[in-house]
């Protein structure tokens, strides 16, 4: 049930890009206290099974409701890989909303350590070395064929060496919450 509420909120946020839409936060908070929690979201928009926008947060200081409103709007209008969603497309898009667990830093000594912690099709990861950072959300596993490819892609996003053990960056893991 909460999943459908989150999708409805995301859609209203997107519709707000075209017209005045009332999104009564107080009422949402009363009906769904979970929306008051500090939670990060990831919003994906598809049309005809093709990606049209996808933006998310790994961590946030906002409420789930505010983070969702922000990411839904930005997924529709500010994902630079795609043209903005048009008003005519609103009824034809599919919106997916994911709520993420808080990232936790993991300790590791070897690639095998990472393999036991980062779970295919379930874990997302953040790699950070100095000012460089890369993120892969759990959905990335659908386009990645192996753990090694996941790590290589993650390092490439941060523009750090693929020799993760030599570089020894900080790694954080998060998952999608079941809602």
Foldseek 3Di string as FASTA:
>chain_A
DVQVVLQVLLLQLQVVVPDDGDDPVVVCCVVPVQQQAFWKKKKWKDFPNHTAFIDIDQGDPGGNSVNSSVNSNCRQPPPVVHHHDDPVCSVRMDMGMFIKDHWDWDDDQDPVVVVVVADQLWKKKWWDDPPFIFTDANVCSVVDDDPLSNLQVRCVNRVHDSPCNVSVTIMIMMGTDDD
